[in-house]
Structures are given as C-alpha cells and as structure tokens.
C-alpha cells in the first residue's frame, strides 16, 4: 500500500498476510487486504475521503454490489466495507495494471517484497 496525502508519500505498507479466508485467492487476497489497510488508515487518522486506486476491478465491484461476494474472503471484504462506508467516502479509481502507473508499480513492488519475491 502506498498512502499519499497532498501528492506526497505519507506511508507505505509491505506486509505478508495471514488471513485464512483469503489463502486460496492468491493475488486477489493481497488486493483485498491492501484496500482494507488503506481504508483503515483513513478511519484511524480521521480522514473522511479516500481516492482508492486499484488495478483489479473486484476491489470496487464487491463493495458497490456489482459483483456478488461468494467466497469467504470476498464476503468478509464486503462486510468490512459496509461497516465503514458511513465513516469514509471511498472514491474507487481503476488503473490499468502493469502500465507504468507510478504508485501502482510501487504497490506491486511492496507486495512482492512482502512475500520475498
């Protein structure tokens, strides 16, 4: 996760997850956990609006109900989002993966570093 505030990197996270419900979801698990981290960061720091950039469309689709959450991990993600959506306005912004987007590439590097790649 790369947290920006006023176009300045405020914080980064590179953490290997251990959420059992996400184990079989491979890289989607990281996308979900990273999104939750960004949302939690905002809640914890009394930030009311988040521009959440992502490259996997499920990150938005599960939250807004465009996709049905069927797996345990996606069900929990949707529940988490529903629990915070009245405290935090999340503006979902899709970026193309592996297209040279500076912070998307940085987030990918942080994710790989977390699992030793």
N, C-alpha and C. Protein backbone atom coordinates (compact mmCIF):
# COMPACT_ATOMS: atom_id res chain seq x y z
N UNK A 1 0.85 -1.18 0.00
CA UNK A 1 0.00 0.00 0.00
C UNK A 1 0.89 1.24 0.00
N UNK A 2 0.52 2.19 -0.82
CA UNK A 2 1.19 3.49 -0.84
C UNK A 2 0.13 4.52 -0.46
N UNK A 3 0.33 5.19 0.66
CA UNK A 3 -0.59 6.22 1.13
C UNK A 3 -0.03 7.58 0.72
N UNK A 4 -0.81 8.32 -0.04
CA UNK A 4 -0.43 9.67 -0.45
C UNK A 4 -1.35 10.67 0.22
N UNK A 5 -0.79 11.79 0.63
CA UNK A 5 -1.59 12.91 1.11
C UNK A 5 -1.00 14.16 0.48
N UNK A 6 -1.84 14.89 -0.26
CA UNK A 6 -1.38 16.08 -0.99
C UNK A 6 -0.21 15.74 -1.92
N UNK A 7 -0.33 14.61 -2.61
CA UNK A 7 0.67 14.15 -3.59
C UNK A 7 2.04 13.83 -3.01
N UNK A 8 2.10 13.63 -1.70
CA UNK A 8 3.35 13.26 -1.04
C UNK A 8 3.15 11.91 -0.36
N UNK A 9 4.11 11.00 -0.54
CA UNK A 9 4.01 9.69 0.10
C UNK A 9 4.09 9.88 1.61
N UNK A 10 3.02 9.51 2.28
CA UNK A 10 2.95 9.65 3.73
C UNK A 10 3.35 8.36 4.43
N UNK A 11 2.99 7.23 3.84
CA UNK A 11 3.27 5.95 4.48
C UNK A 11 3.18 4.85 3.42
N UNK A 12 3.95 3.79 3.62
CA UNK A 12 3.82 2.60 2.79
C UNK A 12 3.69 1.39 3.71
N UNK A 13 3.05 0.37 3.18
CA UNK A 13 2.91 -0.90 3.90
C UNK A 13 3.37 -2.01 2.98
N UNK A 14 4.12 -2.95 3.53
CA UNK A 14 4.56 -4.14 2.82
C UNK A 14 4.47 -5.29 3.81
N UNK A 15 3.31 -5.92 3.86
CA UNK A 15 3.02 -6.90 4.91
C UNK A 15 2.54 -8.20 4.29
N UNK A 16 3.08 -9.30 4.75
CA UNK A 16 2.60 -10.62 4.32
C UNK A 16 1.38 -10.96 5.16
N UNK A 17 0.28 -11.21 4.50
CA UNK A 17 -0.97 -11.50 5.20
C UNK A 17 -1.03 -12.91 5.74
N UNK A 18 -2.00 -13.13 6.61
CA UNK A 18 -2.21 -14.46 7.19
C UNK A 18 -3.70 -14.75 7.39
N UNK A 19 -4.53 -14.11 6.59
CA UNK A 19 -5.98 -14.27 6.71
C UNK A 19 -6.39 -15.59 6.05
N UNK A 20 -6.83 -16.55 6.86
CA UNK A 20 -7.18 -17.88 6.38
C UNK A 20 -8.22 -17.86 5.26
N UNK A 21 -9.20 -16.97 5.35
CA UNK A 21 -10.27 -16.94 4.35
C UNK A 21 -9.78 -16.50 2.97
N UNK A 22 -8.54 -15.98 2.90
CA UNK A 22 -8.01 -15.47 1.64
C UNK A 22 -6.95 -16.35 1.01
N UNK A 23 -6.54 -17.40 1.69
CA UNK A 23 -5.40 -18.21 1.25
C UNK A 23 -5.55 -18.71 -0.19
N UNK A 24 -6.70 -19.20 -0.56
CA UNK A 24 -6.89 -19.75 -1.90
C UNK A 24 -7.10 -18.72 -2.98
N UNK A 25 -7.12 -17.44 -2.62
CA UNK A 25 -7.43 -16.40 -3.60
C UNK A 25 -6.18 -15.77 -4.22
N UNK A 26 -5.01 -16.23 -3.86
CA UNK A 26 -3.74 -15.79 -4.40
C UNK A 26 -3.60 -14.27 -4.44
N UNK A 27 -3.29 -13.67 -5.59
CA UNK A 27 -3.01 -12.23 -5.62
C UNK A 27 -4.23 -11.38 -5.29
N UNK A 28 -5.44 -11.90 -5.48
CA UNK A 28 -6.65 -11.14 -5.12
C UNK A 28 -6.66 -10.88 -3.61
N UNK A 29 -6.13 -11.83 -2.86
CA UNK A 29 -6.06 -11.66 -1.41
C UNK A 29 -5.27 -10.41 -1.05
N UNK A 30 -4.15 -10.20 -1.71
CA UNK A 30 -3.34 -9.01 -1.45
C UNK A 30 -4.06 -7.73 -1.83
N UNK A 31 -4.78 -7.79 -2.94
CA UNK A 31 -5.55 -6.61 -3.38
C UNK A 31 -6.60 -6.24 -2.33
N UNK A 32 -7.30 -7.26 -1.82
CA UNK A 32 -8.34 -7.03 -0.80
C UNK A 32 -7.72 -6.47 0.48
N UNK A 33 -6.68 -7.11 0.97
CA UNK A 33 -6.06 -6.68 2.23
C UNK A 33 -5.46 -5.28 2.10
N UNK A 34 -4.85 -4.98 0.96
CA UNK A 34 -4.29 -3.65 0.75
C UNK A 34 -5.39 -2.58 0.76
N UNK A 35 -6.50 -2.89 0.13
CA UNK A 35 -7.62 -1.94 0.12
C UNK A 35 -8.15 -1.71 1.53
N UNK A 36 -8.27 -2.78 2.29
CA UNK A 36 -8.73 -2.64 3.68
C UNK A 36 -7.74 -1.82 4.49
N UNK A 37 -6.44 -2.03 4.27
CA UNK A 37 -5.42 -1.26 5.00
C UNK A 37 -5.57 0.23 4.73
N UNK A 38 -5.76 0.58 3.48
CA UNK A 38 -5.92 1.99 3.11
C UNK A 38 -7.15 2.57 3.78
N UNK A 39 -8.24 1.82 3.77
CA UNK A 39 -9.48 2.29 4.40
C UNK A 39 -9.30 2.44 5.91
N UNK A 40 -8.66 1.44 6.54
CA UNK A 40 -8.41 1.50 7.98
C UNK A 40 -7.52 2.69 8.33
N UNK A 41 -6.51 2.93 7.51
CA UNK A 41 -5.62 4.07 7.75
C UNK A 41 -6.42 5.37 7.80
N UNK A 42 -7.32 5.52 6.86
CA UNK A 42 -8.15 6.73 6.82
C UNK A 42 -9.03 6.84 8.05
N UNK A 43 -9.68 5.76 8.41
CA UNK A 43 -10.54 5.76 9.60
C UNK A 43 -9.72 6.13 10.84
N UNK A 44 -8.57 5.47 11.00
CA UNK A 44 -7.71 5.70 12.17
C UNK A 44 -7.16 7.13 12.23
N UNK A 45 -7.04 7.79 11.08
CA UNK A 45 -6.46 9.13 11.02
C UNK A 45 -7.50 10.21 10.72
N UNK A 46 -8.76 9.85 10.94
CA UNK A 46 -9.87 10.79 10.80
C UNK A 46 -9.91 11.47 9.42
N UNK A 47 -9.59 10.67 8.40
CA UNK A 47 -9.67 11.13 7.02
C UNK A 47 -11.03 10.70 6.50
N UNK A 48 -11.75 11.62 5.90
CA UNK A 48 -13.14 11.37 5.51
C UNK A 48 -13.32 10.97 4.05
N UNK A 49 -12.31 11.19 3.21
CA UNK A 49 -12.43 10.89 1.78
C UNK A 49 -11.16 10.17 1.32
N UNK A 50 -11.35 9.06 0.65
CA UNK A 50 -10.23 8.27 0.14
C UNK A 50 -10.39 8.08 -1.36
N UNK A 51 -9.35 8.42 -2.10
CA UNK A 51 -9.28 8.05 -3.52
C UNK A 51 -8.48 6.76 -3.55
N UNK A 52 -9.18 5.66 -3.79
CA UNK A 52 -8.55 4.34 -3.76
C UNK A 52 -8.26 3.90 -5.19
N UNK A 53 -6.99 3.91 -5.55
CA UNK A 53 -6.55 3.46 -6.86
C UNK A 53 -6.29 1.96 -6.80
N UNK A 54 -6.76 1.24 -7.79
CA UNK A 54 -6.64 -0.21 -7.79
C UNK A 54 -6.54 -0.70 -9.23
N UNK A 55 -6.03 -1.92 -9.41
CA UNK A 55 -5.95 -2.46 -10.76
C UNK A 55 -6.79 -3.72 -10.95
N UNK A 56 -7.38 -4.23 -9.90
CA UNK A 56 -8.25 -5.41 -10.01
C UNK A 56 -9.69 -4.96 -9.76
N UNK A 57 -10.55 -5.09 -10.77
CA UNK A 57 -11.88 -4.49 -10.70
C UNK A 57 -12.77 -5.00 -9.56
N UNK A 58 -12.50 -6.18 -9.04
CA UNK A 58 -13.29 -6.69 -7.94
C UNK A 58 -13.22 -5.81 -6.70
N UNK A 59 -12.13 -5.08 -6.54
CA UNK A 59 -11.95 -4.21 -5.37
C UNK A 59 -13.12 -3.25 -5.24
N UNK A 60 -13.57 -2.71 -6.34
CA UNK A 60 -14.74 -1.84 -6.32
C UNK A 60 -16.03 -2.64 -6.43
N UNK A 61 -16.07 -3.59 -7.34
CA UNK A 61 -17.33 -4.27 -7.69
C UNK A 61 -17.95 -4.99 -6.49
N UNK A 62 -17.15 -5.63 -5.64
CA UNK A 62 -17.71 -6.29 -4.46
C UNK A 62 -18.28 -5.27 -3.50
N UNK A 63 -17.59 -4.16 -3.32
CA UNK A 63 -18.05 -3.13 -2.37
C UNK A 63 -19.38 -2.52 -2.78
N UNK A 64 -19.50 -2.18 -4.05
CA UNK A 64 -20.70 -1.48 -4.50
C UNK A 64 -21.83 -2.44 -4.89
N UNK A 65 -21.58 -3.73 -4.79
CA UNK A 65 -22.62 -4.71 -5.08
C UNK A 65 -22.77 -5.08 -6.54
N UNK A 66 -21.85 -4.64 -7.40
CA UNK A 66 -21.91 -5.00 -8.81
C UNK A 66 -21.55 -6.47 -9.03
N UNK A 67 -20.72 -7.00 -8.15
CA UNK A 67 -20.38 -8.43 -8.15
C UNK A 67 -20.86 -9.01 -6.84
N UNK A 68 -21.39 -10.22 -6.90
CA UNK A 68 -21.81 -10.92 -5.69
C UNK A 68 -20.57 -11.49 -4.99
N UNK A 69 -20.47 -11.25 -3.72
CA UNK A 69 -19.38 -11.81 -2.92
C UNK A 69 -19.76 -13.25 -2.57
N UNK A 70 -19.06 -14.21 -3.16
CA UNK A 70 -19.39 -15.63 -2.97
C UNK A 70 -18.43 -16.36 -2.05
N UNK A 71 -17.16 -16.00 -2.09
CA UNK A 71 -16.15 -16.68 -1.28
C UNK A 71 -16.06 -16.02 0.08
N UNK A 72 -15.58 -16.78 1.05
CA UNK A 72 -15.46 -16.25 2.41
C UNK A 72 -14.68 -14.94 2.45
N UNK A 73 -13.57 -14.87 1.71
CA UNK A 73 -12.75 -13.66 1.71
C UNK A 73 -13.46 -12.46 1.12
N UNK A 74 -14.22 -12.65 0.05
CA UNK A 74 -14.93 -11.52 -0.55
C UNK A 74 -16.14 -11.13 0.28
N UNK A 75 -16.75 -12.10 0.92
CA UNK A 75 -17.88 -11.80 1.82
C UNK A 75 -17.40 -10.94 2.98
N UNK A 76 -16.26 -11.30 3.56
CA UNK A 76 -15.69 -10.53 4.67
C UNK A 76 -15.27 -9.13 4.22
N UNK A 77 -14.74 -9.03 3.02
CA UNK A 77 -14.34 -7.73 2.47
C UNK A 77 -15.57 -6.83 2.32
N UNK A 78 -16.63 -7.36 1.76
CA UNK A 78 -17.88 -6.59 1.59
C UNK A 78 -18.43 -6.16 2.95
N UNK A 79 -18.41 -7.06 3.93
CA UNK A 79 -18.88 -6.72 5.29
C UNK A 79 -18.03 -5.60 5.88
N UNK A 80 -16.71 -5.69 5.68
CA UNK A 80 -15.82 -4.65 6.19
C UNK A 80 -16.19 -3.31 5.56
N UNK A 81 -16.30 -3.28 4.24
CA UNK A 81 -16.64 -2.04 3.55
C UNK A 81 -17.96 -1.49 4.05
N UNK A 82 -18.96 -2.35 4.17
CA UNK A 82 -20.28 -1.90 4.64
C UNK A 82 -20.18 -1.29 6.04
N UNK A 83 -19.26 -1.80 6.85
CA UNK A 83 -19.13 -1.31 8.23
C UNK A 83 -18.46 0.07 8.31
N UNK A 84 -17.75 0.47 7.26
CA UNK A 84 -17.03 1.75 7.30
C UNK A 84 -17.55 2.79 6.32
N UNK A 85 -18.42 2.40 5.42
CA UNK A 85 -18.80 3.31 4.33
C UNK A 85 -19.54 4.57 4.81
N UNK A 86 -20.11 4.55 6.01
CA UNK A 86 -20.75 5.75 6.53
C UNK A 86 -19.75 6.69 7.21
N UNK A 87 -18.54 6.19 7.47
CA UNK A 87 -17.49 7.00 8.10
C UNK A 87 -16.48 7.53 7.09
N UNK A 88 -16.42 6.86 5.93
CA UNK A 88 -15.40 7.17 4.94
C UNK A 88 -16.00 7.09 3.55
N UNK A 89 -15.88 8.17 2.79
CA UNK A 89 -16.31 8.15 1.39
C UNK A 89 -15.14 7.61 0.57
N UNK A 90 -15.35 6.48 -0.07
CA UNK A 90 -14.31 5.88 -0.90
C UNK A 90 -14.64 6.14 -2.36
N UNK A 91 -13.73 6.82 -3.02
CA UNK A 91 -13.84 7.04 -4.46
C UNK A 91 -12.93 6.01 -5.13
N UNK A 92 -13.52 5.06 -5.80
CA UNK A 92 -12.77 3.98 -6.45
C UNK A 92 -12.28 4.45 -7.82
N UNK A 93 -10.97 4.28 -8.07
CA UNK A 93 -10.38 4.72 -9.33
C UNK A 93 -9.57 3.56 -9.91
N UNK A 94 -10.03 3.04 -11.03
CA UNK A 94 -9.38 1.90 -11.68
C UNK A 94 -8.21 2.39 -12.53
N UNK A 95 -7.06 1.74 -12.36
CA UNK A 95 -5.90 1.98 -13.22
C UNK A 95 -5.53 0.67 -13.90
N UNK A 96 -4.93 0.78 -15.05
CA UNK A 96 -4.52 -0.41 -15.78
C UNK A 96 -3.27 -1.00 -15.13
N UNK A 97 -3.31 -2.29 -14.90
CA UNK A 97 -2.17 -2.99 -14.29
C UNK A 97 -0.98 -3.00 -15.25
N UNK A 98 0.21 -2.95 -14.68
CA UNK A 98 1.47 -3.07 -15.44
C UNK A 98 1.53 -2.10 -16.61
N UNK A 99 1.04 -0.89 -16.37
CA UNK A 99 1.01 0.12 -17.43
C UNK A 99 1.96 1.28 -17.16
N UNK A 100 2.76 1.14 -16.11
CA UNK A 100 3.70 2.20 -15.78
C UNK A 100 3.17 3.23 -14.79
N UNK A 101 1.94 3.02 -14.28
CA UNK A 101 1.42 3.93 -13.26
C UNK A 101 2.37 3.90 -12.05
N UNK A 102 2.93 5.03 -11.72
CA UNK A 102 4.00 5.12 -10.71
C UNK A 102 3.64 4.43 -9.40
N UNK A 103 2.52 4.76 -8.82
CA UNK A 103 2.21 4.23 -7.50
C UNK A 103 1.63 2.83 -7.55
N UNK A 104 1.02 2.46 -8.67
CA UNK A 104 0.58 1.08 -8.82
C UNK A 104 1.79 0.16 -8.92
N UNK A 105 2.81 0.61 -9.65
CA UNK A 105 4.05 -0.17 -9.75
C UNK A 105 4.74 -0.26 -8.39
N UNK A 106 4.73 0.84 -7.63
CA UNK A 106 5.32 0.84 -6.29
C UNK A 106 4.58 -0.13 -5.37
N UNK A 107 3.25 -0.12 -5.43
CA UNK A 107 2.46 -1.06 -4.63
C UNK A 107 2.77 -2.50 -4.99
N UNK A 108 2.94 -2.78 -6.28
CA UNK A 108 3.31 -4.14 -6.72
C UNK A 108 4.67 -4.55 -6.16
N UNK A 109 5.63 -3.62 -6.15
CA UNK A 109 6.95 -3.92 -5.58
C UNK A 109 6.86 -4.21 -4.09
N UNK A 110 6.05 -3.43 -3.38
CA UNK A 110 5.88 -3.65 -1.94
C UNK A 110 5.23 -5.01 -1.68
N UNK A 111 4.26 -5.38 -2.50
CA UNK A 111 3.60 -6.68 -2.35
C UNK A 111 4.58 -7.82 -2.58
N UNK A 112 5.38 -7.71 -3.61
CA UNK A 112 6.38 -8.76 -3.90
C UNK A 112 7.42 -8.85 -2.78
N UNK A 113 7.84 -7.71 -2.27
CA UNK A 113 8.82 -7.70 -1.18
C UNK A 113 8.27 -8.40 0.06
N UNK A 114 6.98 -8.24 0.30
CA UNK A 114 6.36 -8.86 1.49
C UNK A 114 6.41 -10.38 1.44
N UNK A 115 6.37 -10.92 0.23
CA UNK A 115 6.41 -12.40 0.12
C UNK A 115 7.75 -12.91 -0.37
N UNK A 116 8.75 -12.02 -0.41
CA UNK A 116 10.11 -12.44 -0.71
C UNK A 116 10.43 -12.64 -2.18
N UNK A 117 9.71 -11.95 -3.05
CA UNK A 117 9.98 -12.06 -4.49
C UNK A 117 10.80 -10.86 -4.93
